[in-house]
Amino acid sequence: MQIVHAPTEIAGQMGILCEGLRAKGHYSSGYNWFHSYLKYRGRIMNTDAYELSKLINTLDKYSDIIHFHNGNTFFRQYLDLSYLHEAGKKIVMHHWGNDVRSMAKVRQLNPYALPSSYLSDEEIHNNLSMLSKYIDTAIVQDYEVYPYVKDYYKTVHVLPLACKINDLPVSYPDISKKIYKVIHAPTNRSFKGSVYVEAAIHKLKQNTEFIYQAIENMSHEEALQAYREADIVIDQLMCGSYGMLSVEAMAMGKVVIAFIREDVRKNFPVDLPIVNSKPETVYEVLSGLINNPSSLAQIGRASREYVLKYHEMGVVTDQLCKIYQQL
């Protein structure tokens, strides 16, 4: 198959999926117009909206499947969708969360308030209505995102986050050490619940010795280096699921703390090793791990195995190919 991914790189996933597809013998190229300080280094083409729009006829001609990301297509305002639809192109839209997470739905599903999306609820509804008019199939990363799109598309597939686990050296927590290192990466402080993390860290430092590092304004490569030195990684505490930080940390054998909503948790595999914590209980959870570290290495090993089983690039790519075959 010849597959085009465009136009928004989220958490390095476009690059990883393209690489995974190429490893399976497919022709796959990615084009990204979204650039941030994270500087993901996947093997895709970084471009802009203007340059990408000039490629549509070529990409259309030579592609079997067009895999869009984050609610975006080649053109602003979806001016290309009717053309691609009339041309009979097989298209899938991959939603990542903030592009579809309406505040009205958040209030229904989540016990905690999340920061507003960059889109209003009305814009999200209008976008999903337009996209699903021309696209039958959507992909989401988990059942936290699923409810926001399920009423629009004919088919919604859940595809786990993909990880190049062989690029991530493993280093399990050493339970014989006296001082453990805790890391939190507040890429979006309100979304991650960083105020709760920092309050717990401040309180715990009053009676427990450990090292804490907040990862901010670092490239993805720099952040990965910091994760390697951690024993415990605190991911997001508000939205009710785990993100790419959790996957990469687990791949390295780290103990991960995150809030997993019960309705979301029941759809994950039973062997999910993430230590569940609500925002208001993160102090107790973190204190329990640091002051009773006997389970850290065991959780770290289970974390690595979990990523190998469910998030490894080849495993996820195989699932993606099955989705493509159903288009």
C-alpha atoms as a PDB file:
ATOM      1  CA  MET A   1       0.000   0.000   0.000  1.00  0.00           C
ATOM      2  CA  GLN A   2       0.964   3.625  -0.514  1.00  0.00           C
ATOM      3  CA  ILE A   3      -0.071   5.720   2.484  1.00  0.00           C
ATOM      4  CA  VAL A   4       0.193   9.450   3.097  1.00  0.00           C
ATOM      5  CA  HIS A   5       0.057  10.837   6.666  1.00  0.00           C
ATOM      6  CA  ALA A   6      -0.692  14.547   7.104  1.00  0.00           C
ATOM      7  CA  PRO A   7      -0.654  17.280   8.255  1.00  0.00           C
ATOM      8  CA  THR A   8      -0.111  17.385  12.033  1.00  0.00           C
ATOM      9  CA  GLU A   9       2.531  15.550  14.050  1.00  0.00           C
ATOM     10  CA  ILE A  10       1.264  14.749  17.555  1.00  0.00           C
ATOM     11  CA  ALA A  11       3.574  13.136  20.130  1.00  0.00           C
ATOM     12  CA  GLY A  12       5.815  11.758  17.391  1.00  0.00           C
ATOM     13  CA  GLN A  13       3.079   9.359  16.290  1.00  0.00           C
ATOM     14  CA  MET A  14       2.992  10.263  12.611  1.00  0.00           C
ATOM     15  CA  GLY A  15       6.697   9.571  12.265  1.00  0.00           C
ATOM     16  CA  ILE A  16       6.551   6.311  14.199  1.00  0.00           C
ATOM     17  CA  LEU A  17       3.560   4.999  12.253  1.00  0.00           C
ATOM     18  CA  CYS A  18       5.188   5.905   8.933  1.00  0.00           C
ATOM     19  CA  GLU A  19       8.358   4.104   9.958  1.00  0.00           C
ATOM     20  CA  GLY A  20       6.379   1.089  11.137  1.00  0.00           C
ATOM     21  CA  LEU A  21       4.490   0.915   7.854  1.00  0.00           C
ATOM     22  CA  ARG A  22       7.727   1.092   5.864  1.00  0.00           C
ATOM     23  CA  ALA A  23       9.132  -1.737   7.978  1.00  0.00           C
ATOM     24  CA  LYS A  24       6.112  -3.811   6.933  1.00  0.00           C
ATOM     25  CA  GLY A  25       6.902  -3.216   3.259  1.00  0.00           C
ATOM     26  CA  HIS A  26       4.489  -0.362   2.542  1.00  0.00           C
ATOM     27  CA  TYR A  27       5.272   3.015   1.022  1.00  0.00           C
ATOM     28  CA  SER A  28       4.439   5.630   3.637  1.00  0.00           C
ATOM     29  CA  SER A  29       5.297   9.309   3.858  1.00  0.00           C
ATOM     30  CA  GLY A  30       4.366  11.938   6.436  1.00  0.00           C
ATOM     31  CA  TYR A  31       3.992  15.705   6.047  1.00  0.00           C
ATOM     32  CA  ASN A  32       3.836  17.921   9.126  1.00  0.00           C
ATOM     33  CA  TRP A  33       2.908  21.590   9.343  1.00  0.00           C
ATOM     34  CA  PHE A  34       2.809  21.762  13.169  1.00  0.00           C
ATOM     35  CA  HIS A  35       6.146  22.721  14.720  1.00  0.00           C
ATOM     36  CA  SER A  36       6.899  23.031  18.435  1.00  0.00           C
ATOM     37  CA  TYR A  37       9.822  23.165  20.848  1.00  0.00           C
ATOM     38  CA  LEU A  38       9.528  19.376  21.274  1.00  0.00           C
ATOM     39  CA  LYS A  39      11.181  18.901  17.852  1.00  0.00           C
ATOM     40  CA  TYR A  40      10.214  15.293  17.232  1.00  0.00           C
ATOM     41  CA  ARG A  41      12.774  13.680  14.959  1.00  0.00           C
ATOM     42  CA  GLY A  42      10.656  11.171  13.078  1.00  0.00           C
ATOM     43  CA  ARG A  43      11.397  10.459   9.423  1.00  0.00           C
ATOM     44  CA  ILE A  44       8.739  12.769   8.000  1.00  0.00           C
ATOM     45  CA  MET A  45       8.771  15.964   5.954  1.00  0.00           C
ATOM     46  CA  ASN A  46       8.374  19.161   7.955  1.00  0.00           C
ATOM     47  CA  THR A  47       6.599  21.747   5.835  1.00  0.00           C
ATOM     48  CA  ASP A  48       3.878  24.394   6.106  1.00  0.00           C
ATOM     49  CA  ALA A  49       0.255  24.667   5.029  1.00  0.00           C
ATOM     50  CA  TYR A  50       1.056  26.623   1.877  1.00  0.00           C
ATOM     51  CA  GLU A  51       3.694  24.201   0.594  1.00  0.00           C
ATOM     52  CA  LEU A  52       1.610  21.173   1.511  1.00  0.00           C
ATOM     53  CA  SER A  53      -1.411  22.488  -0.384  1.00  0.00           C
ATOM     54  CA  LYS A  54       0.665  22.520  -3.565  1.00  0.00           C
ATOM     55  CA  LEU A  55       1.323  18.776  -3.231  1.00  0.00           C
ATOM     56  CA  ILE A  56      -2.280  17.635  -3.075  1.00  0.00           C
ATOM     57  CA  ASN A  57      -2.554  16.550  -6.709  1.00  0.00           C
ATOM     58  CA  THR A  58       0.653  14.511  -6.499  1.00  0.00           C
ATOM     59  CA  LEU A  59      -0.213  12.975  -3.139  1.00  0.00           C
ATOM     60  CA  ASP A  60      -3.712  12.189  -4.346  1.00  0.00           C
ATOM     61  CA  LYS A  61      -2.437  10.533  -7.516  1.00  0.00           C
ATOM     62  CA  TYR A  62       0.109   8.277  -5.857  1.00  0.00           C
ATOM     63  CA  SER A  63      -1.646   7.350  -2.610  1.00  0.00           C
ATOM     64  CA  ASP A  64      -3.935   4.423  -1.858  1.00  0.00           C
ATOM     65  CA  ILE A  65      -4.821   5.755   1.593  1.00  0.00           C
ATOM     66  CA  ILE A  66      -4.734   9.228   3.123  1.00  0.00           C
ATOM     67  CA  HIS A  67      -4.382   9.226   6.898  1.00  0.00           C
ATOM     68  CA  PHE A  68      -5.190  12.646   8.356  1.00  0.00           C
ATOM     69  CA  HIS A  69      -4.330  13.681  11.914  1.00  0.00           C
ATOM     70  CA  ASN A  70      -5.752  15.954  14.593  1.00  0.00           C
ATOM     71  CA  GLY A  71      -8.858  17.032  12.720  1.00  0.00           C
ATOM     72  CA  ASN A  72      -6.852  18.663   9.926  1.00  0.00           C
ATOM     73  CA  THR A  73      -6.709  17.990   6.193  1.00  0.00           C
ATOM     74  CA  PHE A  74      -4.516  19.389   3.403  1.00  0.00           C
ATOM     75  CA  PHE A  75      -6.493  22.628   3.135  1.00  0.00           C
ATOM     76  CA  ARG A  76      -7.922  24.956   5.731  1.00  0.00           C
ATOM     77  CA  GLN A  77     -11.702  24.797   6.126  1.00  0.00           C
ATOM     78  CA  TYR A  78     -11.647  21.303   4.574  1.00  0.00           C
ATOM     79  CA  LEU A  79     -11.794  22.652   1.033  1.00  0.00           C
ATOM     80  CA  ASP A  80     -10.120  19.461  -0.219  1.00  0.00           C
ATOM     81  CA  LEU A  81     -12.551  16.943   1.254  1.00  0.00           C
ATOM     82  CA  SER A  82     -15.220  17.037  -1.457  1.00  0.00           C
ATOM     83  CA  TYR A  83     -12.502  16.662  -4.120  1.00  0.00           C
ATOM     84  CA  LEU A  84     -10.894  13.690  -2.349  1.00  0.00           C
ATOM     85  CA  HIS A  85     -14.278  12.112  -1.729  1.00  0.00           C
ATOM     86  CA  GLU A  86     -15.334  12.434  -5.355  1.00  0.00           C
ATOM     87  CA  ALA A  87     -11.998  10.942  -6.399  1.00  0.00           C
ATOM     88  CA  GLY A  88     -12.894   7.852  -4.356  1.00  0.00           C
ATOM     89  CA  LYS A  89      -9.934   8.164  -2.015  1.00  0.00           C
ATOM     90  CA  LYS A  90      -9.749   5.955   1.069  1.00  0.00           C
ATOM     91  CA  ILE A  91      -9.428   8.338   3.999  1.00  0.00           C
ATOM     92  CA  VAL A  92      -9.129   7.957   7.757  1.00  0.00           C
ATOM     93  CA  MET A  93      -9.093  10.723  10.393  1.00  0.00           C
ATOM     94  CA  HIS A  94      -6.964  10.226  13.504  1.00  0.00           C
ATOM     95  CA  HIS A  95      -8.191  12.348  16.424  1.00  0.00           C
ATOM     96  CA  TRP A  96      -5.862  12.986  19.357  1.00  0.00           C
ATOM     97  CA  GLY A  97      -7.975  14.657  22.054  1.00  0.00           C
ATOM     98  CA  ASN A  98      -7.748  18.412  22.133  1.00  0.00           C
ATOM     99  CA  ASP A  99      -9.172  18.606  18.624  1.00  0.00           C
ATOM    100  CA  VAL A 100     -12.436  16.954  19.781  1.00  0.00           C
ATOM    101  CA  ARG A 101     -12.648  17.298  23.561  1.00  0.00           C
ATOM    102  CA  SER A 102     -15.661  19.581  24.006  1.00  0.00           C
ATOM    103  CA  MET A 103     -16.200  21.219  27.381  1.00  0.00           C
ATOM    104  CA  ALA A 104     -19.832  20.099  27.564  1.00  0.00           C
ATOM    105  CA  LYS A 105     -18.764  16.464  27.174  1.00  0.00           C
ATOM    106  CA  VAL A 106     -15.877  16.890  29.604  1.00  0.00           C
ATOM    107  CA  ARG A 107     -18.348  18.010  32.271  1.00  0.00           C
ATOM    108  CA  GLN A 108     -20.410  14.878  31.639  1.00  0.00           C
ATOM    109  CA  LEU A 109     -17.526  12.413  31.701  1.00  0.00           C
ATOM    110  CA  ASN A 110     -14.790  13.793  33.906  1.00  0.00           C
ATOM    111  CA  PRO A 111     -14.879  14.603  37.624  1.00  0.00           C
ATOM    112  CA  TYR A 112     -12.143  17.203  37.077  1.00  0.00           C
ATOM    113  CA  ALA A 113     -12.210  20.366  35.018  1.00  0.00           C
ATOM    114  CA  LEU A 114      -9.905  20.393  32.005  1.00  0.00           C
ATOM    115  CA  PRO A 115      -8.560  23.479  30.243  1.00  0.00           C
ATOM    116  CA  SER A 116     -10.548  24.577  27.234  1.00  0.00           C
ATOM    117  CA  SER A 117      -9.567  23.284  23.823  1.00  0.00           C
ATOM    118  CA  TYR A 118      -8.159  25.690  21.258  1.00  0.00           C
ATOM    119  CA  LEU A 119     -11.579  25.231  19.634  1.00  0.00           C
ATOM    120  CA  SER A 120     -15.006  26.126  20.988  1.00  0.00           C
ATOM    121  CA  ASP A 121     -17.641  23.427  21.433  1.00  0.00           C
ATOM    122  CA  GLU A 122     -19.480  24.805  18.424  1.00  0.00           C
ATOM    123  CA  GLU A 123     -16.335  24.665  16.286  1.00  0.00           C
ATOM    124  CA  ILE A 124     -15.650  21.102  17.383  1.00  0.00           C
ATOM    125  CA  HIS A 125     -19.190  20.049  16.477  1.00  0.00           C
ATOM    126  CA  ASN A 126     -19.035  21.794  13.106  1.00  0.00           C
ATOM    127  CA  ASN A 127     -15.648  20.263  12.311  1.00  0.00           C
ATOM    128  CA  LEU A 128     -16.732  16.742  13.220  1.00  0.00           C
ATOM    129  CA  SER A 129     -19.949  17.142  11.249  1.00  0.00           C
ATOM    130  CA  MET A 130     -18.037  18.246   8.169  1.00  0.00           C
ATOM    131  CA  LEU A 131     -15.326  15.603   8.482  1.00  0.00           C
ATOM    132  CA  SER A 132     -17.767  12.737   9.001  1.00  0.00           C
ATOM    133  CA  LYS A 133     -19.754  13.879   5.966  1.00  0.00           C
ATOM    134  CA  TYR A 134     -16.844  12.780   3.790  1.00  0.00           C
ATOM    135  CA  ILE A 135     -14.894  10.378   6.052  1.00  0.00           C
ATOM    136  CA  ASP A 136     -16.475   7.207   7.440  1.00  0.00           C
ATOM    137  CA  THR A 137     -13.621   5.956   9.617  1.00  0.00           C
ATOM    138  CA  ALA A 138     -11.880   7.575  12.566  1.00  0.00           C
ATOM    139  CA  ILE A 139      -9.096   6.441  14.872  1.00  0.00           C
ATOM    140  CA  VAL A 140      -8.532   7.404  18.509  1.00  0.00           C
ATOM    141  CA  GLN A 141      -5.837   6.367  20.956  1.00  0.00           C
ATOM    142  CA  ASP A 142      -8.067   5.138  23.790  1.00  0.00           C
ATOM    143  CA  TYR A 143     -11.525   5.143  25.329  1.00  0.00           C
ATOM    144  CA  GLU A 144     -11.003   8.535  26.919  1.00  0.00           C
ATOM    145  CA  VAL A 145     -11.120  10.148  23.463  1.00  0.00           C
ATOM    146  CA  TYR A 146     -13.648   7.681  22.011  1.00  0.00           C
ATOM    147  CA  PRO A 147     -16.864   9.244  23.441  1.00  0.00           C
ATOM    148  CA  TYR A 148     -16.126  12.593  21.813  1.00  0.00           C
ATOM    149  CA  VAL A 149     -16.253  11.176  18.270  1.00  0.00           C
ATOM    150  CA  LYS A 150     -18.369   8.014  18.421  1.00  0.00           C
ATOM    151  CA  ASP A 151     -21.629   9.757  17.480  1.00  0.00           C
ATOM    152  CA  TYR A 152     -20.205  11.283  14.306  1.00  0.00           C
ATOM    153  CA  TYR A 153     -18.387   8.563  12.351  1.00  0.00           C
ATOM    154  CA  LYS A 154     -19.728   5.274  11.030  1.00  0.00           C
ATOM    155  CA  THR A 155     -16.704   3.440  12.435  1.00  0.00           C
ATOM    156  CA  VAL A 156     -14.264   4.421  15.197  1.00  0.00           C
ATOM    157  CA  HIS A 157     -11.207   2.277  15.879  1.00  0.00           C
ATOM    158  CA  VAL A 158      -9.085   2.426  19.032  1.00  0.00           C
ATOM    159  CA  LEU A 159      -5.388   2.223  18.152  1.00  0.00           C
ATOM    160  CA  PRO A 160      -2.857   2.354  21.025  1.00  0.00           C
ATOM    161  CA  LEU A 161      -0.022   4.851  21.025  1.00  0.00           C
ATOM    162  CA  ALA A 162       2.995   3.495  19.139  1.00  0.00           C
ATOM    163  CA  CYS A 163       6.476   3.374  20.636  1.00  0.00           C
ATOM    164  CA  LYS A 164       9.905   2.562  19.188  1.00  0.00           C
ATOM    165  CA  ILE A 165      10.821   0.605  22.280  1.00  0.00           C
ATOM    166  CA  ASN A 166      14.216  -0.525  20.954  1.00  0.00           C
ATOM    167  CA  ASP A 167      15.307   3.130  20.880  1.00  0.00           C
ATOM    168  CA  LEU A 168      14.608   3.488  24.607  1.00  0.00           C
ATOM    169  CA  PRO A 169      17.230   1.925  26.904  1.00  0.00           C
ATOM    170  CA  VAL A 170      15.763   0.219  29.933  1.00  0.00           C
ATOM    171  CA  SER A 171      16.875   1.099  33.473  1.00  0.00           C
ATOM    172  CA  TYR A 172      14.739  -0.327  36.261  1.00  0.00           C
ATOM    173  CA  PRO A 173      14.524   1.360  39.675  1.00  0.00           C
ATOM    174  CA  ASP A 174      17.213   0.119  42.057  1.00  0.00           C
ATOM    175  CA  ILE A 175      15.479  -0.582  45.356  1.00  0.00           C
ATOM    176  CA  SER A 176      18.816  -0.570  47.207  1.00  0.00           C
ATOM    177  CA  LYS A 177      19.445   3.115  46.511  1.00  0.00           C
ATOM    178  CA  LYS A 178      18.701   5.632  49.220  1.00  0.00           C
ATOM    179  CA  ILE A 179      17.534   8.580  47.147  1.00  0.00           C
ATOM    180  CA  TYR A 180      15.001   8.197  44.337  1.00  0.00           C
ATOM    181  CA  LYS A 181      14.378  10.578  41.484  1.00  0.00           C
ATOM    182  CA  VAL A 182      10.874  11.751  40.586  1.00  0.00           C
ATOM    183  CA  ILE A 183      10.077  13.483  37.282  1.00  0.00           C
ATOM    184  CA  HIS A 184       7.040  15.342  36.025  1.00  0.00           C
ATOM    185  CA  ALA A 185       6.723  16.899  32.563  1.00  0.00           C
ATOM    186  CA  PRO A 186       4.124  19.689  32.646  1.00  0.00           C
ATOM    187  CA  THR A 187       3.838  20.350  28.908  1.00  0.00           C
ATOM    188  CA  ASN A 188       0.364  21.689  29.739  1.00  0.00           C
ATOM    189  CA  ARG A 189       0.225  22.460  33.443  1.00  0.00           C
ATOM    190  CA  SER A 190      -3.566  22.665  33.747  1.00  0.00           C
ATOM    191  CA  PHE A 191      -4.122  19.505  31.718  1.00  0.00           C
ATOM    192  CA  LYS A 192      -1.432  17.571  33.579  1.00  0.00           C
ATOM    193  CA  GLY A 193      -2.535  18.694  37.053  1.00  0.00           C
ATOM    194  CA  SER A 194       0.885  20.132  37.817  1.00  0.00           C
ATOM    195  CA  VAL A 195      -0.384  22.235  40.731  1.00  0.00           C
ATOM    196  CA  TYR A 196      -1.337  19.020  42.548  1.00  0.00           C
ATOM    197  CA  VAL A 197       2.017  17.440  41.747  1.00  0.00           C
ATOM    198  CA  GLU A 198       3.959  20.429  43.040  1.00  0.00           C
ATOM    199  CA  ALA A 199       1.894  20.609  46.231  1.00  0.00           C
ATOM    200  CA  ALA A 200       2.569  16.923  46.871  1.00  0.00           C
ATOM    201  CA  ILE A 201       6.282  17.360  46.168  1.00  0.00           C
ATOM    202  CA  HIS A 202       6.500  20.328  48.548  1.00  0.00           C
ATOM    203  CA  LYS A 203       4.740  18.426  51.324  1.00  0.00           C
ATOM    204  CA  LEU A 204       6.759  15.251  50.822  1.00  0.00           C
ATOM    205  CA  LYS A 205      10.075  17.085  50.915  1.00  0.00           C
ATOM    206  CA  GLN A 206       9.359  18.093  54.487  1.00  0.00           C
ATOM    207  CA  ASN A 207       9.897  14.537  55.723  1.00  0.00           C
ATOM    208  CA  THR A 208      11.370  12.511  52.852  1.00  0.00           C
ATOM    209  CA  GLU A 209      14.631  12.800  50.930  1.00  0.00           C
ATOM    210  CA  PHE A 210      14.343  12.458  47.150  1.00  0.00           C
ATOM    211  CA  ILE A 211      15.200  14.350  43.961  1.00  0.00           C
ATOM    212  CA  TYR A 212      12.515  16.086  41.915  1.00  0.00           C
ATOM    213  CA  GLN A 213      12.834  17.468  38.403  1.00  0.00           C
ATOM    214  CA  ALA A 214      10.211  19.216  36.287  1.00  0.00           C
ATOM    215  CA  ILE A 215      10.792  18.760  32.555  1.00  0.00           C
ATOM    216  CA  GLU A 216       9.819  21.987  30.785  1.00  0.00           C
ATOM    217  CA  ASN A 217      10.843  23.690  27.551  1.00  0.00           C
ATOM    218  CA  MET A 218      13.040  20.779  26.492  1.00  0.00           C
ATOM    219  CA  SER A 219      13.117  19.104  23.113  1.00  0.00           C
ATOM    220  CA  HIS A 220      11.775  15.567  23.015  1.00  0.00           C
ATOM    221  CA  GLU A 221      15.319  14.196  22.762  1.00  0.00           C
ATOM    222  CA  GLU A 222      16.441  16.176  25.821  1.00  0.00           C
ATOM    223  CA  ALA A 223      13.374  15.067  27.761  1.00  0.00           C
ATOM    224  CA  LEU A 224      14.072  11.407  27.002  1.00  0.00           C
ATOM    225  CA  GLN A 225      17.549  11.778  28.461  1.00  0.00           C
ATOM    226  CA  ALA A 226      16.017  13.113  31.670  1.00  0.00           C
ATOM    227  CA  TYR A 227      13.494  10.268  31.823  1.00  0.00           C
ATOM    228  CA  ARG A 228      16.340   7.744  31.743  1.00  0.00           C
ATOM    229  CA  GLU A 229      17.584   9.064  35.086  1.00  0.00           C
ATOM    230  CA  ALA A 230      14.197   8.823  36.807  1.00  0.00           C
ATOM    231  CA  ASP A 231      12.769   6.132  39.053  1.00  0.00           C
ATOM    232  CA  ILE A 232       9.208   7.435  39.214  1.00  0.00           C
ATOM    233  CA  VAL A 233       7.454   9.479  36.525  1.00  0.00           C
ATOM    234  CA  ILE A 234       4.248  11.399  37.234  1.00  0.00           C
ATOM    235  CA  ASP A 235       2.185  11.881  34.093  1.00  0.00           C
ATOM    236  CA  GLN A 236      -1.250  13.493  33.717  1.00  0.00           C
ATOM    237  CA  LEU A 237      -3.628  13.585  36.679  1.00  0.00           C
ATOM    238  CA  MET A 238      -6.718  15.237  35.214  1.00  0.00           C
ATOM    239  CA  CYS A 239      -8.015  13.801  31.936  1.00  0.00           C
ATOM    240  CA  GLY A 240      -8.391  10.185  33.050  1.00  0.00           C
ATOM    241  CA  SER A 241      -5.978   8.350  30.771  1.00  0.00           C
ATOM    242  CA  TYR A 242      -2.249   8.137  30.077  1.00  0.00           C
ATOM    243  CA  GLY A 243      -0.233   9.744  27.312  1.00  0.00           C
ATOM    244  CA  MET A 244       3.000   9.293  25.411  1.00  0.00           C
ATOM    245  CA  LEU A 245       5.116  10.298  28.414  1.00  0.00           C
ATOM    246  CA  SER A 246       3.703   7.295  30.268  1.00  0.00           C
ATOM    247  CA  VAL A 247       4.400   4.967  27.340  1.00  0.00           C
ATOM    248  CA  GLU A 248       8.011   6.107  26.955  1.00  0.00           C
ATOM    249  CA  ALA A 249       8.639   6.003  30.708  1.00  0.00           C
ATOM    250  CA  MET A 250       7.163   2.509  30.991  1.00  0.00           C
ATOM    251  CA  ALA A 251       9.291   1.405  28.035  1.00  0.00           C
ATOM    252  CA  MET A 252      12.337   2.492  30.029  1.00  0.00           C
ATOM    253  CA  GLY A 253      11.195   0.430  33.005  1.00  0.00           C
ATOM    254  CA  LYS A 254      10.050   3.348  35.142  1.00  0.00           C
ATOM    255  CA  VAL A 255       7.174   3.427  37.606  1.00  0.00           C
ATOM    256  CA  VAL A 256       4.439   5.687  36.234  1.00  0.00           C
ATOM    257  CA  ILE A 257       1.766   7.518  38.215  1.00  0.00           C
ATOM    258  CA  ALA A 258      -1.330   8.790  36.380  1.00  0.00           C
ATOM    259  CA  PHE A 259      -5.054   9.156  36.886  1.00  0.00           C
ATOM    260  CA  ILE A 260      -7.017   6.511  34.962  1.00  0.00           C
ATOM    261  CA  ARG A 261     -10.770   7.053  35.037  1.00  0.00           C
ATOM    262  CA  GLU A 262     -12.680   3.902  35.929  1.00  0.00           C
ATOM    263  CA  ASP A 263     -14.784   3.921  32.752  1.00  0.00           C
ATOM    264  CA  VAL A 264     -11.560   4.196  30.746  1.00  0.00           C
ATOM    265  CA  ARG A 265      -9.641   1.704  32.887  1.00  0.00           C
ATOM    266  CA  LYS A 266     -12.072  -1.147  32.226  1.00  0.00           C
ATOM    267  CA  ASN A 267     -11.227  -0.969  28.517  1.00  0.00           C
ATOM    268  CA  PHE A 268      -7.465  -1.232  29.018  1.00  0.00           C
ATOM    269  CA  PRO A 269      -5.771  -4.622  29.381  1.00  0.00           C
ATOM    270  CA  VAL A 270      -5.967  -6.006  32.907  1.00  0.00           C
ATOM    271  CA  ASP A 271      -2.174  -5.947  33.233  1.00  0.00           C
ATOM    272  CA  LEU A 272      -1.893  -2.150  32.939  1.00  0.00           C
ATOM    273  CA  PRO A 273       0.878  -1.408  35.490  1.00  0.00           C
ATOM    274  CA  ILE A 274       0.329   2.354  35.914  1.00  0.00           C
ATOM    275  CA  VAL A 275      -0.077   3.355  39.551  1.00  0.00           C
ATOM    276  CA  ASN A 276      -3.459   5.082  39.640  1.00  0.00           C
ATOM    277  CA  SER A 277      -3.738   8.371  41.499  1.00  0.00           C
ATOM    278  CA  LYS A 278      -6.376  11.060  41.663  1.00  0.00           C
ATOM    279  CA  PRO A 279      -5.082  14.634  41.850  1.00  0.00           C
ATOM    280  CA  GLU A 280      -5.931  14.872  45.538  1.00  0.00           C
ATOM    281  CA  THR A 281      -4.245  11.566  46.433  1.00  0.00           C
ATOM    282  CA  VAL A 282      -0.928  11.988  44.616  1.00  0.00           C
ATOM    283  CA  TYR A 283       0.902  12.823  47.866  1.00  0.00           C
ATOM    284  CA  GLU A 284      -0.171   9.558  49.505  1.00  0.00           C
ATOM    285  CA  VAL A 285       0.578   7.529  46.371  1.00  0.00           C
ATOM    286  CA  LEU A 286       4.019   9.045  45.832  1.00  0.00           C
ATOM    287  CA  SER A 287       4.897   8.824  49.528  1.00  0.00           C
ATOM    288  CA  GLY A 288       3.920   5.163  49.592  1.00  0.00           C
ATOM    289  CA  LEU A 289       6.174   4.341  46.648  1.00  0.00           C
ATOM    290  CA  ILE A 290       9.223   6.237  47.906  1.00  0.00           C
ATOM    291  CA  ASN A 291       8.964   5.111  51.526  1.00  0.00           C
ATOM    292  CA  ASN A 292       8.141   1.499  50.653  1.00  0.00           C
ATOM    293  CA  PRO A 293      10.190   0.914  47.502  1.00  0.00           C
ATOM    294  CA  SER A 294      10.157  -2.910  47.459  1.00  0.00           C
ATOM    295  CA  SER A 295       7.656  -2.983  44.581  1.00  0.00           C
ATOM    296  CA  LEU A 296       9.384  -0.412  42.342  1.00  0.00           C
ATOM    297  CA  ALA A 297      11.537  -2.831  40.347  1.00  0.00           C
ATOM    298  CA  GLN A 298       8.623  -5.238  39.888  1.00  0.00           C
ATOM    299  CA  ILE A 299       6.363  -2.459  38.594  1.00  0.00           C
ATOM    300  CA  GLY A 300       9.167  -1.225  36.326  1.00  0.00           C
ATOM    301  CA  ARG A 301       9.593  -4.657  34.749  1.00  0.00           C
ATOM    302  CA  ALA A 302       5.846  -5.058  34.312  1.00  0.00           C
ATOM    303  CA  SER A 303       5.797  -1.623  32.672  1.00  0.00           C
ATOM    304  CA  ARG A 304       8.402  -2.580  30.098  1.00  0.00           C
ATOM    305  CA  GLU A 305       6.548  -5.806  29.318  1.00  0.00           C
ATOM    306  CA  TYR A 306       3.271  -3.935  28.931  1.00  0.00           C
ATOM    307  CA  VAL A 307       4.725  -1.582  26.317  1.00  0.00           C
ATOM    308  CA  LEU A 308       6.299  -4.501  24.446  1.00  0.00           C
ATOM    309  CA  LYS A 309       2.947  -6.254  24.391  1.00  0.00           C
ATOM    310  CA  TYR A 310       0.628  -3.391  23.471  1.00  0.00           C
ATOM    311  CA  HIS A 311       2.544  -0.301  22.301  1.00  0.00           C
ATOM    312  CA  GLU A 312       5.550  -1.600  20.360  1.00  0.00           C
ATOM    313  CA  MET A 313       5.719  -0.055  16.889  1.00  0.00           C
ATOM    314  CA  GLY A 314       5.305  -3.315  15.000  1.00  0.00           C
ATOM    315  CA  VAL A 315       2.370  -4.458  17.124  1.00  0.00           C
ATOM    316  CA  VAL A 316       0.516  -1.175  16.617  1.00  0.00           C
ATOM    317  CA  THR A 317       1.349  -1.039  12.911  1.00  0.00           C
ATOM    318  CA  ASP A 318      -0.139  -4.499  12.400  1.00  0.00           C
ATOM    319  CA  GLN A 319      -3.387  -3.247  13.938  1.00  0.00           C
ATOM    320  CA  LEU A 320      -3.276  -0.147  11.736  1.00  0.00           C
ATOM    321  CA  CYS A 321      -2.884  -2.262   8.602  1.00  0.00           C
ATOM    322  CA  LYS A 322      -5.997  -4.220   9.577  1.00  0.00           C
ATOM    323  CA  ILE A 323      -7.880  -0.923   9.871  1.00  0.00           C
ATOM    324  CA  TYR A 324      -6.664   0.098   6.413  1.00  0.00           C
ATOM    325  CA  GLN A 325      -7.861  -3.194   4.963  1.00  0.00           C
ATOM    326  CA  GLN A 326     -11.393  -2.422   6.160  1.00  0.00           C
ATOM    327  CA  LEU A 327     -11.607   1.000   4.512  1.00  0.00           C
END
